[in-house]
Structure formats: C-alpha cells, structure tokens
N, C-alpha and C. Protein backbone atom coordinates (compact mmCIF):
# COMPACT_ATOMS: atom_id res chain seq x y z
N MET A 1 0.82 -1.20 0.00
CA MET A 1 0.00 0.00 0.00
C MET A 1 0.86 1.26 0.00
N ALA A 2 1.90 1.28 0.85
CA ALA A 2 2.76 2.47 0.95
C ALA A 2 3.48 2.73 -0.37
N VAL A 3 3.84 1.66 -1.07
CA VAL A 3 4.53 1.82 -2.35
C VAL A 3 3.61 2.49 -3.36
N ARG A 4 2.34 2.09 -3.37
CA ARG A 4 1.38 2.70 -4.27
C ARG A 4 1.18 4.17 -3.94
N ASP A 5 1.07 4.49 -2.65
CA ASP A 5 0.91 5.88 -2.22
C ASP A 5 2.12 6.71 -2.62
N SER A 6 3.30 6.13 -2.47
CA SER A 6 4.54 6.82 -2.82
C SER A 6 4.59 7.08 -4.33
N ALA A 7 4.21 6.09 -5.13
CA ALA A 7 4.21 6.25 -6.59
C ALA A 7 3.19 7.31 -7.00
N LYS A 8 2.04 7.32 -6.35
CA LYS A 8 1.03 8.34 -6.66
C LYS A 8 1.53 9.73 -6.29
N ALA A 9 2.16 9.84 -5.13
CA ALA A 9 2.70 11.14 -4.70
C ALA A 9 3.73 11.64 -5.70
N ARG A 10 4.58 10.72 -6.20
CA ARG A 10 5.59 11.10 -7.21
C ARG A 10 4.92 11.57 -8.49
N ARG A 11 3.91 10.83 -8.95
CA ARG A 11 3.20 11.22 -10.18
C ARG A 11 2.55 12.58 -10.01
N ASP A 12 1.92 12.81 -8.86
CA ASP A 12 1.27 14.10 -8.60
C ASP A 12 2.29 15.24 -8.59
N ALA A 13 3.45 14.99 -7.98
CA ALA A 13 4.50 16.02 -7.95
C ALA A 13 5.03 16.29 -9.35
N HIS A 14 5.18 15.26 -10.16
CA HIS A 14 5.62 15.44 -11.54
C HIS A 14 4.60 16.28 -12.30
N ALA A 15 3.32 15.93 -12.12
CA ALA A 15 2.25 16.64 -12.83
C ALA A 15 2.19 18.11 -12.41
N ALA A 16 2.49 18.39 -11.14
CA ALA A 16 2.44 19.77 -10.65
C ALA A 16 3.70 20.55 -11.04
N GLY A 17 4.68 19.86 -11.64
CA GLY A 17 5.90 20.55 -12.04
C GLY A 17 6.87 20.81 -10.90
N LEU A 18 6.70 20.09 -9.77
CA LEU A 18 7.60 20.29 -8.64
C LEU A 18 8.97 19.70 -8.90
N TYR A 19 9.00 18.59 -9.60
CA TYR A 19 10.27 18.04 -10.06
C TYR A 19 10.00 17.20 -11.29
N PRO A 20 11.05 16.96 -12.07
CA PRO A 20 10.83 16.32 -13.38
C PRO A 20 10.50 14.85 -13.27
N ALA A 21 9.74 14.40 -14.24
CA ALA A 21 9.47 12.97 -14.35
C ALA A 21 10.75 12.29 -14.84
N PRO A 22 11.02 11.06 -14.41
CA PRO A 22 12.23 10.38 -14.87
C PRO A 22 12.17 10.14 -16.38
N LEU A 23 13.35 10.13 -16.98
CA LEU A 23 13.43 9.90 -18.43
C LEU A 23 12.96 8.49 -18.78
N ASN A 24 13.29 7.53 -17.92
CA ASN A 24 12.87 6.15 -18.14
C ASN A 24 12.93 5.41 -16.80
N GLU A 25 12.46 4.18 -16.80
CA GLU A 25 12.40 3.40 -15.56
C GLU A 25 13.79 3.12 -15.00
N GLY A 26 14.75 2.87 -15.87
CA GLY A 26 16.12 2.62 -15.41
C GLY A 26 16.70 3.82 -14.69
N ARG A 27 16.49 5.01 -15.24
CA ARG A 27 16.98 6.22 -14.60
C ARG A 27 16.29 6.43 -13.26
N SER A 28 15.01 6.13 -13.21
CA SER A 28 14.26 6.27 -11.97
C SER A 28 14.84 5.37 -10.88
N ARG A 29 15.10 4.10 -11.23
CA ARG A 29 15.70 3.17 -10.26
C ARG A 29 17.07 3.66 -9.81
N ASN A 30 17.84 4.18 -10.76
CA ASN A 30 19.18 4.68 -10.46
C ASN A 30 19.12 5.82 -9.45
N MET A 31 18.23 6.78 -9.67
CA MET A 31 18.13 7.93 -8.77
C MET A 31 17.59 7.51 -7.40
N GLN A 32 16.66 6.57 -7.36
CA GLN A 32 16.12 6.12 -6.08
C GLN A 32 17.16 5.35 -5.27
N ALA A 33 18.17 4.81 -5.95
CA ALA A 33 19.21 4.05 -5.26
C ALA A 33 20.25 4.96 -4.61
N ASN A 34 20.26 6.24 -4.95
CA ASN A 34 21.21 7.16 -4.33
C ASN A 34 20.91 7.26 -2.84
N ARG A 35 21.95 7.13 -2.03
CA ARG A 35 21.77 7.15 -0.59
C ARG A 35 22.09 8.52 -0.01
N ARG A 36 21.44 8.84 1.08
CA ARG A 36 21.77 10.06 1.81
C ARG A 36 22.87 9.75 2.83
N THR A 37 22.82 8.56 3.41
CA THR A 37 23.83 8.15 4.38
C THR A 37 24.42 6.82 3.96
N ASN A 38 25.51 6.47 4.61
CA ASN A 38 26.18 5.19 4.36
C ASN A 38 26.59 5.00 2.91
N THR A 39 27.07 6.06 2.29
CA THR A 39 27.60 5.94 0.93
C THR A 39 28.92 5.18 1.01
N LYS A 40 29.38 4.64 -0.10
CA LYS A 40 30.61 3.86 -0.08
C LYS A 40 31.81 4.67 0.42
N PRO A 41 32.01 5.92 -0.06
CA PRO A 41 33.15 6.69 0.45
C PRO A 41 33.04 6.96 1.95
N GLU A 42 31.84 7.20 2.43
CA GLU A 42 31.62 7.47 3.85
C GLU A 42 31.90 6.22 4.69
N VAL A 43 31.42 5.08 4.26
CA VAL A 43 31.63 3.83 5.00
C VAL A 43 33.11 3.48 5.02
N ARG A 44 33.80 3.65 3.89
CA ARG A 44 35.24 3.37 3.84
C ARG A 44 36.00 4.26 4.80
N LEU A 45 35.65 5.55 4.83
CA LEU A 45 36.33 6.49 5.73
C LEU A 45 36.06 6.12 7.19
N ARG A 46 34.82 5.84 7.52
CA ARG A 46 34.48 5.47 8.89
C ARG A 46 35.23 4.22 9.32
N SER A 47 35.30 3.22 8.45
CA SER A 47 36.01 1.98 8.77
C SER A 47 37.48 2.24 9.02
N ALA A 48 38.10 3.06 8.18
CA ALA A 48 39.52 3.38 8.35
C ALA A 48 39.76 4.15 9.65
N LEU A 49 38.89 5.11 9.95
CA LEU A 49 39.04 5.88 11.19
C LEU A 49 38.87 4.98 12.41
N HIS A 50 37.88 4.10 12.35
CA HIS A 50 37.63 3.19 13.47
C HIS A 50 38.83 2.25 13.67
N ALA A 51 39.40 1.76 12.58
CA ALA A 51 40.57 0.87 12.67
C ALA A 51 41.76 1.57 13.30
N LEU A 52 41.82 2.90 13.15
CA LEU A 52 42.91 3.68 13.75
C LEU A 52 42.62 4.04 15.21
N GLY A 53 41.46 3.64 15.70
CA GLY A 53 41.13 3.88 17.10
C GLY A 53 40.26 5.10 17.35
N TYR A 54 39.86 5.78 16.31
CA TYR A 54 38.99 6.95 16.49
C TYR A 54 37.57 6.48 16.77
N ARG A 55 36.91 7.16 17.69
CA ARG A 55 35.51 6.86 17.99
C ARG A 55 34.69 8.11 17.73
N PHE A 56 33.53 7.93 17.15
CA PHE A 56 32.74 9.05 16.65
C PHE A 56 31.28 8.66 16.58
N ARG A 57 30.47 9.63 16.26
CA ARG A 57 29.05 9.38 15.98
C ARG A 57 28.85 9.52 14.49
N LYS A 58 27.92 8.77 13.95
CA LYS A 58 27.63 8.89 12.52
C LYS A 58 26.25 9.48 12.33
N ASP A 59 26.12 10.30 11.28
CA ASP A 59 24.83 10.89 10.92
C ASP A 59 24.16 11.52 12.14
N PHE A 60 24.91 12.32 12.87
CA PHE A 60 24.48 12.92 14.13
C PHE A 60 23.78 14.25 13.87
N VAL A 61 22.55 14.40 14.33
CA VAL A 61 21.78 15.63 14.11
C VAL A 61 22.19 16.67 15.15
N MET A 62 22.56 17.85 14.67
CA MET A 62 22.95 18.95 15.55
C MET A 62 22.01 20.12 15.29
N ARG A 63 21.62 20.81 16.35
CA ARG A 63 20.80 22.00 16.20
C ARG A 63 21.59 23.17 16.76
N LEU A 64 22.02 24.04 15.86
CA LEU A 64 22.83 25.20 16.23
C LEU A 64 22.26 26.44 15.57
N ASP A 65 22.11 27.49 16.34
CA ASP A 65 21.60 28.77 15.81
C ASP A 65 20.31 28.59 15.02
N GLY A 66 19.44 27.73 15.49
CA GLY A 66 18.16 27.52 14.82
C GLY A 66 18.25 26.72 13.53
N ARG A 67 19.41 26.18 13.23
CA ARG A 67 19.58 25.37 12.01
C ARG A 67 19.80 23.91 12.39
N ARG A 68 19.32 23.05 11.55
CA ARG A 68 19.52 21.61 11.72
C ARG A 68 20.66 21.20 10.79
N ILE A 69 21.73 20.69 11.37
CA ILE A 69 22.91 20.31 10.60
C ILE A 69 23.19 18.85 10.88
N ARG A 70 23.51 18.10 9.83
CA ARG A 70 23.66 16.65 9.98
C ARG A 70 24.97 16.19 9.32
N PRO A 71 26.10 16.35 10.03
CA PRO A 71 27.37 15.86 9.47
C PRO A 71 27.37 14.34 9.35
N ASP A 72 28.21 13.83 8.46
CA ASP A 72 28.30 12.38 8.28
C ASP A 72 29.01 11.71 9.45
N ILE A 73 30.06 12.38 9.95
CA ILE A 73 30.85 11.85 11.06
C ILE A 73 31.07 13.00 12.04
N VAL A 74 30.84 12.74 13.34
CA VAL A 74 31.00 13.80 14.33
C VAL A 74 31.83 13.29 15.51
N PHE A 75 32.85 14.05 15.84
CA PHE A 75 33.64 13.82 17.05
C PHE A 75 33.12 14.84 18.05
N THR A 76 32.15 14.44 18.87
CA THR A 76 31.42 15.40 19.71
C THR A 76 32.32 16.07 20.73
N ARG A 77 33.14 15.31 21.44
CA ARG A 77 33.97 15.90 22.48
C ARG A 77 35.04 16.83 21.88
N ARG A 78 35.53 16.47 20.71
CA ARG A 78 36.56 17.28 20.07
C ARG A 78 35.99 18.40 19.22
N LYS A 79 34.68 18.39 19.02
CA LYS A 79 33.98 19.39 18.21
C LYS A 79 34.53 19.45 16.79
N VAL A 80 34.56 18.27 16.15
CA VAL A 80 34.97 18.15 14.75
C VAL A 80 33.82 17.51 13.99
N ALA A 81 33.38 18.19 12.93
CA ALA A 81 32.29 17.69 12.09
C ALA A 81 32.86 17.37 10.70
N VAL A 82 32.60 16.16 10.22
CA VAL A 82 33.14 15.71 8.94
C VAL A 82 31.98 15.46 7.97
N PHE A 83 32.12 16.02 6.78
CA PHE A 83 31.16 15.80 5.72
C PHE A 83 31.87 15.11 4.57
N VAL A 84 31.28 14.04 4.03
CA VAL A 84 31.80 13.38 2.85
C VAL A 84 30.88 13.77 1.70
N ASP A 85 31.37 14.67 0.85
CA ASP A 85 30.53 15.26 -0.19
C ASP A 85 30.69 14.55 -1.53
N GLY A 86 29.55 14.25 -2.16
CA GLY A 86 29.54 13.67 -3.49
C GLY A 86 29.84 14.74 -4.53
N CYS A 87 30.60 14.38 -5.54
CA CYS A 87 31.04 15.35 -6.55
C CYS A 87 29.86 15.98 -7.30
N PHE A 88 28.87 15.20 -7.65
CA PHE A 88 27.71 15.77 -8.37
C PHE A 88 26.86 16.62 -7.44
N TRP A 89 26.48 16.05 -6.30
CA TRP A 89 25.50 16.69 -5.43
C TRP A 89 26.01 17.98 -4.79
N HIS A 90 27.32 18.10 -4.62
CA HIS A 90 27.88 19.28 -3.95
C HIS A 90 28.74 20.11 -4.89
N VAL A 91 28.70 19.81 -6.19
CA VAL A 91 29.36 20.56 -7.26
C VAL A 91 30.87 20.68 -7.00
N CYS A 92 31.53 19.55 -7.05
CA CYS A 92 32.98 19.48 -6.90
C CYS A 92 33.65 20.34 -7.98
N PRO A 93 34.62 21.19 -7.59
CA PRO A 93 35.29 22.02 -8.59
C PRO A 93 36.06 21.20 -9.62
N GLU A 94 36.43 19.98 -9.25
CA GLU A 94 37.20 19.13 -10.16
C GLU A 94 36.30 18.26 -11.05
N HIS A 95 35.23 17.70 -10.46
CA HIS A 95 34.39 16.76 -11.20
C HIS A 95 32.94 17.20 -11.38
N GLY A 96 32.53 18.23 -10.66
CA GLY A 96 31.15 18.68 -10.78
C GLY A 96 30.88 19.20 -12.18
N ARG A 97 29.67 19.04 -12.63
CA ARG A 97 29.33 19.53 -13.98
C ARG A 97 27.90 20.05 -13.97
N GLN A 98 27.64 20.90 -14.90
CA GLN A 98 26.29 21.44 -15.02
C GLN A 98 25.39 20.39 -15.65
N PRO A 99 24.20 20.21 -15.11
CA PRO A 99 23.29 19.23 -15.70
C PRO A 99 22.84 19.67 -17.09
N THR A 100 22.63 18.69 -17.94
CA THR A 100 22.19 19.00 -19.30
C THR A 100 20.73 18.62 -19.52
N THR A 101 20.20 17.73 -18.70
CA THR A 101 18.80 17.33 -18.80
C THR A 101 18.06 17.88 -17.58
N ASN A 102 16.88 18.41 -17.81
CA ASN A 102 16.06 18.99 -16.74
C ASN A 102 16.85 20.03 -15.95
N GLU A 103 17.56 20.85 -16.68
CA GLU A 103 18.40 21.89 -16.07
C GLU A 103 17.60 22.82 -15.16
N TRP A 104 16.35 23.08 -15.53
CA TRP A 104 15.48 23.97 -14.74
C TRP A 104 15.31 23.47 -13.31
N TYR A 105 15.43 22.15 -13.13
CA TYR A 105 15.29 21.56 -11.80
C TYR A 105 16.65 21.41 -11.11
N TRP A 106 17.61 20.84 -11.83
CA TRP A 106 18.89 20.48 -11.21
C TRP A 106 19.77 21.67 -10.86
N ALA A 107 19.84 22.66 -11.72
CA ALA A 107 20.74 23.80 -11.45
C ALA A 107 20.37 24.50 -10.13
N PRO A 108 19.10 24.87 -9.91
CA PRO A 108 18.77 25.49 -8.62
C PRO A 108 18.97 24.54 -7.44
N LYS A 109 18.69 23.26 -7.64
CA LYS A 109 18.86 22.29 -6.54
C LYS A 109 20.32 22.22 -6.13
N LEU A 110 21.23 22.15 -7.09
CA LEU A 110 22.65 22.07 -6.78
C LEU A 110 23.14 23.38 -6.14
N ARG A 111 22.60 24.52 -6.58
CA ARG A 111 22.95 25.80 -5.94
C ARG A 111 22.49 25.81 -4.49
N ARG A 112 21.28 25.28 -4.24
CA ARG A 112 20.79 25.21 -2.85
C ARG A 112 21.68 24.31 -2.00
N ASN A 113 22.15 23.20 -2.57
CA ASN A 113 23.06 22.32 -1.83
C ASN A 113 24.33 23.07 -1.45
N MET A 114 24.89 23.82 -2.41
CA MET A 114 26.12 24.56 -2.14
C MET A 114 25.88 25.62 -1.06
N GLU A 115 24.76 26.29 -1.13
CA GLU A 115 24.43 27.32 -0.14
C GLU A 115 24.23 26.69 1.23
N ARG A 116 23.56 25.54 1.28
CA ARG A 116 23.36 24.84 2.56
C ARG A 116 24.71 24.44 3.15
N ASP A 117 25.62 23.97 2.31
CA ASP A 117 26.96 23.60 2.79
C ASP A 117 27.68 24.82 3.36
N ARG A 118 27.60 25.94 2.66
CA ARG A 118 28.27 27.18 3.11
C ARG A 118 27.70 27.62 4.46
N LEU A 119 26.37 27.61 4.58
CA LEU A 119 25.74 28.01 5.84
C LEU A 119 26.10 27.06 6.98
N ALA A 120 26.14 25.77 6.70
CA ALA A 120 26.51 24.79 7.73
C ALA A 120 27.93 25.07 8.21
N ASN A 121 28.83 25.33 7.27
CA ASN A 121 30.22 25.65 7.64
C ASN A 121 30.27 26.87 8.54
N GLU A 122 29.54 27.91 8.16
CA GLU A 122 29.52 29.15 8.95
C GLU A 122 28.98 28.93 10.36
N VAL A 123 27.86 28.24 10.46
CA VAL A 123 27.23 28.01 11.76
C VAL A 123 28.14 27.16 12.64
N LEU A 124 28.70 26.11 12.08
CA LEU A 124 29.57 25.24 12.86
C LEU A 124 30.82 25.97 13.33
N THR A 125 31.51 26.66 12.42
CA THR A 125 32.74 27.36 12.82
C THR A 125 32.41 28.48 13.80
N GLY A 126 31.28 29.14 13.60
CA GLY A 126 30.86 30.19 14.53
C GLY A 126 30.56 29.66 15.92
N SER A 127 30.25 28.37 16.01
CA SER A 127 29.96 27.74 17.30
C SER A 127 31.18 27.01 17.86
N GLY A 128 32.33 27.24 17.25
CA GLY A 128 33.56 26.65 17.77
C GLY A 128 33.91 25.27 17.25
N TRP A 129 33.23 24.83 16.21
CA TRP A 129 33.50 23.51 15.63
C TRP A 129 34.53 23.63 14.52
N ILE A 130 35.24 22.55 14.29
CA ILE A 130 36.14 22.44 13.14
C ILE A 130 35.39 21.63 12.10
N VAL A 131 35.34 22.16 10.88
CA VAL A 131 34.62 21.49 9.80
C VAL A 131 35.63 20.89 8.83
N VAL A 132 35.46 19.60 8.55
CA VAL A 132 36.30 18.91 7.57
C VAL A 132 35.39 18.45 6.45
N ARG A 133 35.69 18.87 5.24
CA ARG A 133 34.92 18.43 4.07
C ARG A 133 35.83 17.59 3.19
N VAL A 134 35.36 16.40 2.87
CA VAL A 134 36.11 15.44 2.07
C VAL A 134 35.30 15.16 0.81
N TRP A 135 35.93 15.25 -0.36
CA TRP A 135 35.24 14.91 -1.61
C TRP A 135 35.26 13.41 -1.80
N GLU A 136 34.23 12.88 -2.41
CA GLU A 136 34.13 11.44 -2.61
C GLU A 136 35.28 10.90 -3.46
N HIS A 137 35.89 11.73 -4.31
CA HIS A 137 36.95 11.24 -5.19
C HIS A 137 38.32 11.21 -4.52
N GLU A 138 38.42 11.79 -3.32
CA GLU A 138 39.72 11.81 -2.65
C GLU A 138 40.10 10.41 -2.20
N SER A 139 41.40 10.16 -2.20
CA SER A 139 41.88 8.85 -1.77
C SER A 139 41.55 8.67 -0.29
N LEU A 140 41.43 7.42 0.12
CA LEU A 140 41.13 7.12 1.52
C LEU A 140 42.23 7.68 2.42
N GLU A 141 43.46 7.53 2.00
CA GLU A 141 44.59 8.03 2.79
C GLU A 141 44.50 9.55 2.98
N SER A 142 44.19 10.25 1.92
CA SER A 142 44.05 11.70 1.99
C SER A 142 42.89 12.10 2.90
N ALA A 143 41.78 11.39 2.79
CA ALA A 143 40.60 11.69 3.61
C ALA A 143 40.92 11.47 5.09
N VAL A 144 41.59 10.37 5.42
CA VAL A 144 41.95 10.08 6.80
C VAL A 144 42.89 11.18 7.31
N ASP A 145 43.84 11.60 6.47
CA ASP A 145 44.77 12.67 6.87
C ASP A 145 44.03 13.97 7.17
N LEU A 146 43.04 14.31 6.34
CA LEU A 146 42.27 15.54 6.57
C LEU A 146 41.54 15.48 7.91
N VAL A 147 40.93 14.34 8.20
CA VAL A 147 40.20 14.19 9.47
C VAL A 147 41.18 14.23 10.64
N ALA A 148 42.30 13.52 10.52
CA ALA A 148 43.30 13.50 11.60
C ALA A 148 43.83 14.91 11.84
N HIS A 149 44.03 15.68 10.78
CA HIS A 149 44.48 17.07 10.92
C HIS A 149 43.44 17.90 11.67
N GLY A 150 42.17 17.69 11.36
CA GLY A 150 41.09 18.40 12.06
C GLY A 150 41.08 18.06 13.54
N ILE A 151 41.29 16.79 13.86
CA ILE A 151 41.31 16.36 15.26
C ILE A 151 42.52 16.96 15.97
N THR A 152 43.67 16.97 15.30
CA THR A 152 44.88 17.57 15.88
C THR A 152 44.66 19.05 16.15
N GLU A 153 44.05 19.73 15.19
CA GLU A 153 43.75 21.16 15.37
C GLU A 153 42.82 21.36 16.56
N SER A 154 41.85 20.48 16.72
CA SER A 154 40.93 20.56 17.85
C SER A 154 41.68 20.37 19.16
N ASN A 155 42.58 19.38 19.19
CA ASN A 155 43.37 19.14 20.40
C ASN A 155 44.23 20.34 20.74
N MET A 156 44.80 20.98 19.73
CA MET A 156 45.63 22.16 19.99
C MET A 156 44.78 23.30 20.54
N ARG A 157 43.57 23.47 20.01
CA ARG A 157 42.67 24.50 20.51
C ARG A 157 42.32 24.28 21.98
N SER A 158 41.99 23.01 22.29
CA SER A 158 41.57 22.73 23.67
C SER A 158 42.74 22.85 24.64
N SER A 159 43.97 22.57 24.19
CA SER A 159 45.12 22.73 25.10
C SER A 159 45.43 24.21 25.34
N LEU A 160 45.10 25.08 24.36
CA LEU A 160 45.30 26.52 24.55
C LEU A 160 44.29 27.08 25.53
N VAL A 161 43.08 26.52 25.52
CA VAL A 161 42.01 27.00 26.40
C VAL A 161 42.25 26.54 27.84
N ALA A 162 42.73 25.33 28.00
CA ALA A 162 42.91 24.76 29.34
C ALA A 162 44.06 25.33 30.11
C-alpha cells in the first residue's frame, strides 16, 4: 500500500511541475538508489578511522543557531564535524558539472546544496566547531589525513584553552 501511495505522490509532484518525471524506468531506479547516508566513500572512511582507534558518531543531528545540521561523522567531544561530499550533489570544482537534462530543476537544486553547505560551515565554525569536508573522489589516505588534521587542530585549541 505504501509503495502505491509513494508512486502516486511522485506522479502528482511530476504533474504539478515540482520536479521532473524520470526519463525512463532505469533512470528512476538509479536515482532512487542514491543514498543520503552510508555511501561507499563514507563507510570506507568510517572503517579506516575506526581501525585507527577513532571513535565518533555517525549521521548525528545537531541544532545550532536555529539550524539543523547533519554531518556524516562527528567527534562530539573534540567538536569536529566531517562531511563526505559527493562530486555531483555538492558541485565538486574538479568533477562537478552542469546538468544538461532537466536543467530547470537540477541547477537550482545544486545551488541550494552549495548554499546549505556554506551556511553549515559558517554556523559550525561560529559555534567553535572544526569542519572537515572530504570529496568522494579523494583517496582514503588523503581523507583520513584531513580528518586526523582536524582532530589535531581541535586538540591544539583545547590545550590553549585549558
């Protein structure tokens, strides 16, 4: 029953012009398979960090300055928030590209994603957090180094305060 309701809601949204209808069934399945959490780059990074002895929270909801922010990996005590950004969804300067199909929908959506990322960075840093952003195309070693650097920076900050 829920699947039928979901399909009807999608058809109604397509008809209302809220978002585009899929080009074909294969594309529809492909887009529905995109995950918000537990992406392959995120899981690989978490596994590597855990193997190195780091302990963290995953997909942790934070409410700061009236905003809801949901980093992929959070070191709560150290105040380090890690985001693993997909090249398409967050418009990677190296691999991001402008959409060619249904541009009227995708271009504003990707701009909103970039703006949301910028605001999250501002709110977190303004609240004393260190923000680490890792692109999905970065090597695992590079990603681990970026996170470790963020944690080291956090430790240096806390030793200056104490």
